[in-house]
Protein backbone atom coordinates (compact mmCIF):
# COMPACT_ATOMS: atom_id res chain seq x y z
CA UNK A 1 -1.53 18.17 13.87
CA UNK A 2 -0.15 21.04 11.84
CA UNK A 3 2.34 20.61 9.02
CA UNK A 4 6.02 20.53 9.97
CA UNK A 5 8.56 22.74 8.20
CA UNK A 6 12.16 21.95 7.40
CA UNK A 7 13.33 24.39 10.09
CA UNK A 8 11.03 22.84 12.71
CA UNK A 9 12.42 19.43 11.85
CA UNK A 10 15.94 20.77 12.24
CA UNK A 11 15.14 22.20 15.66
CA UNK A 12 13.45 19.02 16.87
CA UNK A 13 16.32 16.72 15.92
CA UNK A 14 19.20 19.14 16.31
CA UNK A 15 20.72 18.54 12.90
CA UNK A 16 22.90 20.74 10.73
CA UNK A 17 21.95 22.66 7.59
CA UNK A 18 23.99 20.11 5.64
CA UNK A 19 21.77 17.28 6.89
CA UNK A 20 18.64 19.31 6.15
CA UNK A 21 19.94 19.97 2.63
CA UNK A 22 20.35 16.23 2.09
CA UNK A 23 16.79 15.66 3.25
CA UNK A 24 15.60 18.43 0.95
CA UNK A 25 17.34 16.68 -1.96
CA UNK A 26 15.56 13.48 -0.96
CA UNK A 27 12.24 15.31 -0.78
CA UNK A 28 12.75 16.74 -4.28
CA UNK A 29 13.44 13.29 -5.71
CA UNK A 30 10.42 11.86 -3.91
CA UNK A 31 8.14 14.47 -5.45
CA UNK A 32 9.67 13.92 -8.89
CA UNK A 33 9.40 10.13 -8.88
CA UNK A 34 6.12 9.69 -7.02
CA UNK A 35 3.74 10.27 -9.97
CA UNK A 36 5.53 7.49 -11.87
CA UNK A 37 5.85 4.71 -9.32
CA UNK A 38 3.54 5.70 -6.46
CA UNK A 39 6.11 5.71 -3.66
CA UNK A 40 3.77 7.29 -1.09
CA UNK A 41 0.16 8.44 -0.99
CA UNK A 42 0.12 11.78 -2.87
CA UNK A 43 -1.93 13.38 -0.07
CA UNK A 44 0.97 12.89 2.38
CA UNK A 45 3.45 14.89 0.32
CA UNK A 46 2.06 18.21 1.52
CA UNK A 47 3.25 17.29 5.02
CA UNK A 48 6.28 15.17 4.11
CA UNK A 49 8.55 16.55 6.88
CA UNK A 50 6.14 15.37 9.59
CA UNK A 51 4.35 12.37 8.04
CA UNK A 52 7.47 10.72 6.67
CA UNK A 53 10.67 12.39 7.86
CA UNK A 54 9.71 12.98 11.51
CA UNK A 55 7.93 9.62 11.69
CA UNK A 56 11.15 7.93 10.56
CA UNK A 57 13.62 10.07 12.50
CA UNK A 58 12.04 9.40 15.89
CA UNK A 59 13.52 5.88 15.79
CA UNK A 60 17.11 7.08 15.96
CA UNK A 61 17.04 7.92 19.67
CA UNK A 62 15.88 4.37 20.46
CA UNK A 63 18.80 2.70 18.69
CA UNK A 64 22.14 1.85 20.31
CA UNK A 65 24.68 4.67 20.16
CA UNK A 66 27.31 2.27 18.78
CA UNK A 67 25.15 0.82 15.98
CA UNK A 68 27.25 -0.22 12.98
CA UNK A 69 24.91 -2.37 10.87
CA UNK A 70 21.27 -1.31 10.50
CA UNK A 71 18.83 -3.32 8.39
CA UNK A 72 15.63 -1.65 7.20
CA UNK A 73 13.12 -4.22 6.01
CA UNK A 74 10.65 -3.38 3.26
CA UNK A 75 12.11 0.09 2.77
CA UNK A 76 9.68 1.17 0.03
CA UNK A 77 10.31 4.86 -0.57
CA UNK A 78 13.00 4.86 2.13
CA UNK A 79 10.96 5.19 5.31
CA UNK A 80 12.31 4.86 7.85
CA UNK A 81 15.68 3.55 6.61
CA UNK A 82 16.91 6.23 4.23
CA UNK A 83 15.89 9.10 6.51
CA UNK A 84 17.78 7.40 9.34
CA UNK A 85 20.82 6.82 7.13
CA UNK A 86 20.97 10.53 6.30
CA UNK A 87 20.64 11.51 9.96
CA UNK A 88 23.22 8.91 10.98
CA UNK A 89 25.91 10.65 8.94
CA UNK A 90 25.82 13.32 11.65
CA UNK A 91 24.34 11.48 14.64
CA UNK A 92 25.71 7.91 14.31
CA UNK A 93 28.89 8.19 12.22
CA UNK A 94 30.18 4.82 11.15
CA UNK A 95 26.75 3.20 10.82
CA UNK A 96 25.92 1.45 7.54
CA UNK A 97 22.32 0.93 6.45
CA UNK A 98 20.98 -1.99 4.43
CA UNK A 99 17.70 -1.14 2.70
CA UNK A 100 15.78 -4.26 1.68
CA UNK A 101 13.14 -3.75 -0.99
CA UNK A 102 11.65 -6.40 -3.30
CA UNK A 103 10.00 -3.93 -5.71
CA UNK A 104 12.65 -3.30 -8.39
CA UNK A 105 11.33 0.15 -9.30
CA UNK A 106 11.46 1.30 -5.70
CA UNK A 107 14.94 -0.16 -5.38
CA UNK A 108 16.04 1.95 -8.38
CA UNK A 109 14.59 5.03 -6.68
CA UNK A 110 16.41 4.22 -3.44
CA UNK A 111 19.72 3.88 -5.28
CA UNK A 112 19.14 7.23 -6.99
CA UNK A 113 18.35 8.89 -3.65
CA UNK A 114 21.46 7.39 -2.05
CA UNK A 115 23.60 8.59 -4.96
CA UNK A 116 22.25 12.13 -4.67
CA UNK A 117 22.38 12.42 -0.88
CA UNK A 118 25.57 10.47 -0.17
CA UNK A 119 23.77 8.42 2.49
CA UNK A 120 25.77 5.48 3.92
CA UNK A 121 23.40 2.84 2.61
CA UNK A 122 23.17 -0.16 0.31
CA UNK A 123 20.04 -1.44 -1.42
CA UNK A 124 19.17 -5.13 -1.53
CA UNK A 125 16.65 -5.60 -4.32
CA UNK A 126 15.06 -8.87 -3.33
CA UNK A 127 12.96 -10.70 -0.81
CA UNK A 128 13.96 -10.54 2.85
CA UNK A 129 13.74 -14.32 3.17
CA UNK A 130 16.25 -14.83 0.33
CA UNK A 131 19.03 -12.62 1.67
CA UNK A 132 22.10 -13.92 3.40
CA UNK A 133 21.96 -13.08 7.11
CA UNK A 134 22.79 -9.39 7.59
CA UNK A 135 23.78 -9.74 11.27
CA UNK A 136 22.39 -6.31 12.04
CA UNK A 137 22.76 -4.46 15.34
CA UNK A 138 19.41 -2.75 14.69
CA UNK A 139 16.45 -3.60 12.48
CA UNK A 140 13.50 -1.40 11.51
CA UNK A 141 10.30 -1.64 9.52
CA UNK A 142 7.23 0.50 8.89
CA UNK A 143 3.88 -0.95 7.79
CA UNK A 144 5.51 -4.14 6.52
CA UNK A 145 3.90 -7.12 8.26
CA UNK A 146 2.32 -8.25 11.54
CA UNK A 147 4.73 -8.70 14.44
CA UNK A 148 4.40 -12.48 14.27
CA UNK A 149 5.90 -12.37 10.76
CA UNK A 150 8.55 -9.77 11.62
CA UNK A 151 10.12 -11.69 14.49
CA UNK A 152 11.45 -14.53 12.28
CA UNK A 153 13.18 -11.79 10.25
CA UNK A 154 14.79 -10.51 13.45
CA UNK A 155 16.07 -14.01 14.20
CA UNK A 156 17.39 -14.43 10.65
CA UNK A 157 19.06 -11.04 10.21
CA UNK A 158 19.89 -10.06 13.79
CA UNK A 159 22.09 -11.20 16.67
CA UNK A 160 21.30 -12.01 20.31
CA UNK A 161 21.76 -8.36 21.30
CA UNK A 162 19.92 -6.87 18.30
CA UNK A 163 17.35 -4.11 18.85
CA UNK A 164 14.32 -4.13 16.52
CA UNK A 165 12.23 -0.98 16.06
CA UNK A 166 8.84 -1.38 14.42
CA UNK A 167 6.38 1.44 13.72
CA UNK A 168 2.88 0.20 14.49
CA UNK A 169 -0.68 1.46 14.73
CA UNK A 170 -3.67 1.02 17.02
CA UNK A 171 -3.76 -2.78 16.62
CA UNK A 172 -0.36 -3.33 18.24
CA UNK A 173 -1.75 -4.99 21.43
CA UNK A 174 -3.29 -7.77 19.33
CA UNK A 175 -0.08 -8.20 17.35
CA UNK A 176 1.95 -8.52 20.54
CA UNK A 177 -0.49 -11.09 21.92
CA UNK A 178 -0.42 -13.17 18.73
CA UNK A 179 3.38 -13.08 18.47
CA UNK A 180 3.72 -14.08 22.13
CA UNK A 181 2.13 -17.45 21.40
CA UNK A 182 5.17 -18.44 19.33
CA UNK A 183 7.99 -16.21 20.58
CA UNK A 184 9.49 -14.96 23.82
CA UNK A 185 10.72 -11.37 23.59
CA UNK A 186 11.09 -8.14 25.53
CA UNK A 187 8.87 -5.36 24.22
CA UNK A 188 8.83 -1.68 25.14
CA UNK A 189 5.89 0.27 23.72
CA UNK A 190 6.93 3.86 22.93
CA UNK A 191 4.24 6.38 21.91
CA UNK A 192 4.63 7.88 18.45
CA UNK A 193 5.51 11.56 18.34
CA UNK A 194 3.31 12.23 15.33
CA UNK A 195 0.40 9.78 15.49
CA UNK A 196 -1.87 9.71 18.58
CA UNK A 197 -2.73 6.06 17.82
CA UNK A 198 0.75 5.03 16.71
CA UNK A 199 3.59 3.44 18.65
CA UNK A 200 7.12 2.18 18.21
CA UNK A 201 7.71 -1.36 19.42
CA UNK A 202 11.25 -1.72 20.74
CA UNK A 203 11.90 -5.45 20.63
CA UNK A 204 14.88 -7.27 22.15
CA UNK A 205 15.96 -10.78 23.14
CA UNK A 206 13.75 -12.66 20.69
CA UNK A 207 13.58 -16.44 21.04
CA UNK A 208 11.29 -18.90 19.35
CA UNK A 209 9.40 -21.08 21.78
CA UNK A 210 9.79 -24.82 21.70
CA UNK A 211 6.18 -25.85 21.30
CA UNK A 212 7.22 -29.51 21.03
């Protein structure tokens, strides 16, 4: 696929110049900090608007319109959570994002990016398992853990009606099969807009099976 420009991103997601300016600020910080703390693979920065921004932004349409609390698990450099938080200022006003990241250096970067973009987000610099329950309406994660390990996080930090959105690759059928041995859940597999082998798993109504 060809590289995506800022203007192409704006057309695809129908966002204002103000939102694009915030994303440009984020991009500038990403390029500045990346040589120091290796936020993303350097080779992906030449196509950051598609590989990272578009990849993250495609989740927004799958989330509830009335989302108020969004938890992004293992945020890393802010994908998908910080991109979504910036878009939500225009597309989901009132939503608050909780970016969970155990790497302290990456957490410092996230706080700097939030300060410079004004994104409605808070950073939790610690392990997901140690946090008090966030009671999120929506959860997201990209390249964090197998589905079988993500579903306990949904149960801990979500609610019965929570929607979980997980970016996955070609091995997602095996992950679904493995997770199904321990959990009951509804799963919609949505093709990725940028990766021919990628998908978004839209997970709802998670329950742990009583294996007695």
